Amino acid sequence: FPVKLLYVLECGEYEDIITWAPNGLSFIIADTKQFEDRVLPEVFKEAKFASFQRKLYRWAFTKHPRTEQSTYSHPNFQQGNFPLCMT
């Protein structure tokens, strides 16, 4: 799961929907509807954003409170760092 998510963020194909925060330590889902309609079925074989969100929590990602958009992070999930995300 984390490797697929990192691929989605790094490939550039979905950057209008999901992107890294400027610090590269968290990511932002800018358009949850487009994420659900396009990214989930193409990459994760899921259909609902709520299911994806539950999976994030199972993998110990945290949602940042007080942000307009859906912003998540994990200590082992950083921009461009594939080896770290596999630990």
N, C-alpha and C. Protein backbone atom coordinates (compact mmCIF):
# COMPACT_ATOMS: atom_id res chain seq x y z
N PHE A 1 0.81 -1.21 0.00
CA PHE A 1 0.00 0.00 0.00
C PHE A 1 0.85 1.28 0.00
N PRO A 2 1.82 1.42 0.91
CA PRO A 2 2.62 2.65 0.90
C PRO A 2 3.40 2.86 -0.41
N VAL A 3 3.88 1.78 -1.01
CA VAL A 3 4.64 1.91 -2.25
C VAL A 3 3.73 2.40 -3.38
N LYS A 4 2.51 1.88 -3.46
CA LYS A 4 1.55 2.36 -4.46
C LYS A 4 1.23 3.83 -4.25
N LEU A 5 1.03 4.20 -2.99
CA LEU A 5 0.73 5.59 -2.68
C LEU A 5 1.89 6.50 -3.05
N LEU A 6 3.09 6.07 -2.75
CA LEU A 6 4.27 6.86 -3.10
C LEU A 6 4.40 6.99 -4.62
N TYR A 7 4.10 5.91 -5.33
CA TYR A 7 4.12 5.96 -6.80
C TYR A 7 3.13 7.01 -7.31
N VAL A 8 1.92 7.01 -6.77
CA VAL A 8 0.89 7.97 -7.20
C VAL A 8 1.39 9.40 -7.01
N LEU A 9 2.06 9.64 -5.90
CA LEU A 9 2.57 10.98 -5.61
C LEU A 9 3.78 11.34 -6.48
N GLU A 10 4.61 10.37 -6.81
CA GLU A 10 5.85 10.64 -7.53
C GLU A 10 5.68 10.64 -9.05
N CYS A 11 4.69 9.93 -9.58
CA CYS A 11 4.58 9.78 -11.03
C CYS A 11 4.19 11.07 -11.75
N GLY A 12 3.53 11.98 -11.07
CA GLY A 12 3.14 13.24 -11.68
C GLY A 12 1.83 13.20 -12.45
N GLU A 13 1.29 12.04 -12.65
CA GLU A 13 0.06 11.90 -13.44
C GLU A 13 -1.17 12.45 -12.70
N TYR A 14 -1.11 12.48 -11.39
CA TYR A 14 -2.28 12.87 -10.60
C TYR A 14 -2.01 14.12 -9.76
N GLU A 15 -1.02 14.92 -10.12
CA GLU A 15 -0.60 16.02 -9.26
C GLU A 15 -1.66 17.10 -9.06
N ASP A 16 -2.67 17.15 -9.92
CA ASP A 16 -3.77 18.09 -9.71
C ASP A 16 -4.77 17.57 -8.68
N ILE A 17 -4.64 16.28 -8.33
CA ILE A 17 -5.56 15.63 -7.40
C ILE A 17 -4.90 15.36 -6.05
N ILE A 18 -3.67 14.85 -6.09
CA ILE A 18 -2.92 14.51 -4.88
C ILE A 18 -1.48 14.96 -5.08
N THR A 19 -0.93 15.61 -4.07
CA THR A 19 0.42 16.16 -4.20
C THR A 19 1.12 16.21 -2.85
N TRP A 20 2.43 16.35 -2.90
CA TRP A 20 3.21 16.51 -1.68
C TRP A 20 2.98 17.91 -1.12
N ALA A 21 3.00 18.02 0.20
CA ALA A 21 3.06 19.33 0.84
C ALA A 21 4.45 19.90 0.56
N PRO A 22 4.62 21.20 0.67
CA PRO A 22 5.92 21.80 0.36
C PRO A 22 7.10 21.20 1.13
N ASN A 23 6.87 20.73 2.34
CA ASN A 23 7.98 20.17 3.13
C ASN A 23 8.35 18.73 2.74
N GLY A 24 7.51 18.08 1.92
CA GLY A 24 7.78 16.71 1.49
C GLY A 24 7.58 15.66 2.56
N LEU A 25 7.01 16.06 3.69
CA LEU A 25 6.79 15.13 4.80
C LEU A 25 5.32 14.74 4.96
N SER A 26 4.46 15.35 4.18
CA SER A 26 3.04 15.00 4.20
C SER A 26 2.50 15.18 2.79
N PHE A 27 1.32 14.64 2.56
CA PHE A 27 0.71 14.79 1.25
C PHE A 27 -0.71 15.32 1.40
N ILE A 28 -1.19 15.93 0.33
CA ILE A 28 -2.48 16.59 0.32
C ILE A 28 -3.34 15.98 -0.78
N ILE A 29 -4.54 15.59 -0.43
CA ILE A 29 -5.51 15.18 -1.44
C ILE A 29 -6.38 16.42 -1.69
N ALA A 30 -6.09 17.09 -2.79
CA ALA A 30 -6.73 18.37 -3.10
C ALA A 30 -8.16 18.22 -3.58
N ASP A 31 -8.46 17.10 -4.21
CA ASP A 31 -9.79 16.88 -4.77
C ASP A 31 -10.22 15.45 -4.46
N THR A 32 -10.94 15.27 -3.36
CA THR A 32 -11.31 13.91 -2.94
C THR A 32 -12.26 13.25 -3.94
N LYS A 33 -13.10 14.03 -4.60
CA LYS A 33 -14.02 13.46 -5.59
C LYS A 33 -13.24 12.89 -6.78
N GLN A 34 -12.31 13.66 -7.33
CA GLN A 34 -11.48 13.17 -8.44
C GLN A 34 -10.61 12.00 -7.99
N PHE A 35 -10.12 12.07 -6.75
CA PHE A 35 -9.31 10.98 -6.21
C PHE A 35 -10.14 9.70 -6.19
N GLU A 36 -11.36 9.81 -5.73
CA GLU A 36 -12.25 8.64 -5.67
C GLU A 36 -12.62 8.14 -7.07
N ASP A 37 -12.88 9.05 -7.99
CA ASP A 37 -13.32 8.67 -9.34
C ASP A 37 -12.19 8.16 -10.22
N ARG A 38 -10.99 8.71 -10.05
CA ARG A 38 -9.91 8.40 -10.98
C ARG A 38 -8.78 7.57 -10.37
N VAL A 39 -8.23 8.02 -9.26
CA VAL A 39 -7.05 7.38 -8.70
C VAL A 39 -7.38 6.05 -8.03
N LEU A 40 -8.42 6.03 -7.21
CA LEU A 40 -8.73 4.79 -6.49
C LEU A 40 -8.97 3.61 -7.41
N PRO A 41 -9.84 3.73 -8.42
CA PRO A 41 -10.05 2.56 -9.28
C PRO A 41 -8.83 2.20 -10.14
N GLU A 42 -8.07 3.19 -10.59
CA GLU A 42 -6.93 2.93 -11.47
C GLU A 42 -5.74 2.31 -10.73
N VAL A 43 -5.51 2.72 -9.50
CA VAL A 43 -4.29 2.31 -8.79
C VAL A 43 -4.58 1.37 -7.63
N PHE A 44 -5.58 1.66 -6.85
CA PHE A 44 -5.81 0.91 -5.61
C PHE A 44 -6.93 -0.12 -5.72
N LYS A 45 -7.64 -0.13 -6.83
CA LYS A 45 -8.74 -1.07 -7.04
C LYS A 45 -9.81 -0.94 -5.95
N GLU A 46 -10.00 0.28 -5.49
CA GLU A 46 -11.03 0.58 -4.50
C GLU A 46 -11.97 1.59 -5.10
N ALA A 47 -13.15 1.72 -4.50
CA ALA A 47 -14.15 2.61 -5.07
C ALA A 47 -14.54 3.77 -4.16
N LYS A 48 -14.28 3.67 -2.88
CA LYS A 48 -14.74 4.69 -1.94
C LYS A 48 -13.58 5.35 -1.21
N PHE A 49 -13.67 6.67 -1.08
CA PHE A 49 -12.64 7.40 -0.35
C PHE A 49 -12.59 6.97 1.11
N ALA A 50 -13.74 6.69 1.70
CA ALA A 50 -13.78 6.26 3.10
C ALA A 50 -12.97 4.98 3.32
N SER A 51 -13.02 4.06 2.38
CA SER A 51 -12.23 2.83 2.48
C SER A 51 -10.74 3.13 2.41
N PHE A 52 -10.38 4.03 1.51
CA PHE A 52 -8.98 4.43 1.39
C PHE A 52 -8.51 5.09 2.69
N GLN A 53 -9.33 5.94 3.23
CA GLN A 53 -8.98 6.63 4.47
C GLN A 53 -8.80 5.63 5.63
N ARG A 54 -9.66 4.64 5.72
CA ARG A 54 -9.50 3.60 6.75
C ARG A 54 -8.18 2.86 6.57
N LYS A 55 -7.81 2.61 5.33
CA LYS A 55 -6.54 1.93 5.07
C LYS A 55 -5.36 2.81 5.51
N LEU A 56 -5.44 4.11 5.26
CA LEU A 56 -4.40 5.02 5.74
C LEU A 56 -4.24 4.90 7.26
N TYR A 57 -5.35 4.88 7.96
CA TYR A 57 -5.29 4.78 9.43
C TYR A 57 -4.74 3.43 9.88
N ARG A 58 -5.09 2.36 9.18
CA ARG A 58 -4.54 1.03 9.51
C ARG A 58 -3.03 1.00 9.34
N TRP A 59 -2.52 1.77 8.39
CA TRP A 59 -1.08 1.86 8.16
C TRP A 59 -0.44 2.94 9.03
N ALA A 60 -1.18 3.47 9.97
CA ALA A 60 -0.71 4.45 10.97
C ALA A 60 -0.41 5.84 10.40
N PHE A 61 -1.03 6.19 9.28
CA PHE A 61 -0.96 7.57 8.80
C PHE A 61 -1.85 8.42 9.70
N THR A 62 -1.48 9.66 9.86
CA THR A 62 -2.30 10.57 10.65
C THR A 62 -2.81 11.70 9.77
N LYS A 63 -4.02 12.13 10.07
CA LYS A 63 -4.62 13.25 9.35
C LYS A 63 -4.30 14.52 10.11
N HIS A 64 -3.90 15.54 9.38
CA HIS A 64 -3.56 16.80 10.02
C HIS A 64 -4.84 17.59 10.30
N PRO A 65 -5.06 17.93 11.53
CA PRO A 65 -6.25 18.72 11.86
C PRO A 65 -6.09 20.17 11.41
N ARG A 66 -7.18 20.83 11.32
CA ARG A 66 -7.21 22.26 10.99
C ARG A 66 -6.58 22.59 9.63
N THR A 67 -6.73 21.70 8.69
CA THR A 67 -6.30 22.01 7.32
C THR A 67 -7.52 21.95 6.42
N GLU A 68 -7.56 22.83 5.42
CA GLU A 68 -8.70 22.88 4.51
C GLU A 68 -8.84 21.60 3.71
N GLN A 69 -7.72 21.08 3.25
CA GLN A 69 -7.74 19.88 2.42
C GLN A 69 -7.33 18.67 3.25
N SER A 70 -7.54 17.50 2.71
CA SER A 70 -7.16 16.27 3.41
C SER A 70 -5.65 16.11 3.35
N THR A 71 -5.00 16.28 4.47
CA THR A 71 -3.54 16.22 4.56
C THR A 71 -3.15 15.11 5.53
N TYR A 72 -2.24 14.23 5.08
CA TYR A 72 -1.85 13.06 5.88
C TYR A 72 -0.34 12.94 5.92
N SER A 73 0.15 12.27 6.97
CA SER A 73 1.59 12.02 7.06
C SER A 73 1.87 10.74 7.84
N HIS A 74 3.09 10.27 7.70
CA HIS A 74 3.61 9.11 8.42
C HIS A 74 5.12 9.32 8.52
N PRO A 75 5.74 8.99 9.66
CA PRO A 75 7.18 9.23 9.80
C PRO A 75 8.04 8.53 8.74
N ASN A 76 7.59 7.40 8.22
CA ASN A 76 8.37 6.65 7.22
C ASN A 76 7.88 6.90 5.80
N PHE A 77 7.18 7.98 5.59
CA PHE A 77 6.63 8.28 4.26
C PHE A 77 7.02 9.69 3.89
N GLN A 78 8.07 9.79 3.06
CA GLN A 78 8.61 11.09 2.69
C GLN A 78 8.85 11.16 1.18
N GLN A 79 8.75 12.35 0.67
CA GLN A 79 8.90 12.57 -0.77
C GLN A 79 10.19 11.98 -1.30
N GLY A 80 10.07 11.13 -2.34
CA GLY A 80 11.22 10.56 -3.04
C GLY A 80 11.97 9.47 -2.28
N ASN A 81 11.50 9.07 -1.12
CA ASN A 81 12.24 8.13 -0.31
C ASN A 81 11.56 6.75 -0.33
N PHE A 82 11.71 6.01 -1.44
CA PHE A 82 11.11 4.68 -1.54
C PHE A 82 11.65 3.70 -0.50
N PRO A 83 12.97 3.67 -0.24
CA PRO A 83 13.47 2.71 0.77
C PRO A 83 12.86 2.92 2.15
N LEU A 84 12.69 4.17 2.56
CA LEU A 84 12.13 4.43 3.88
C LEU A 84 10.68 3.96 3.97
N CYS A 85 9.92 4.11 2.90
CA CYS A 85 8.51 3.73 2.96
C CYS A 85 8.31 2.22 2.99
N MET A 86 9.35 1.47 2.70
CA MET A 86 9.25 0.01 2.74
C MET A 86 9.66 -0.57 4.09
N THR A 87 9.97 0.29 5.06
CA THR A 87 10.37 -0.21 6.37
C THR A 87 9.18 -0.31 7.30
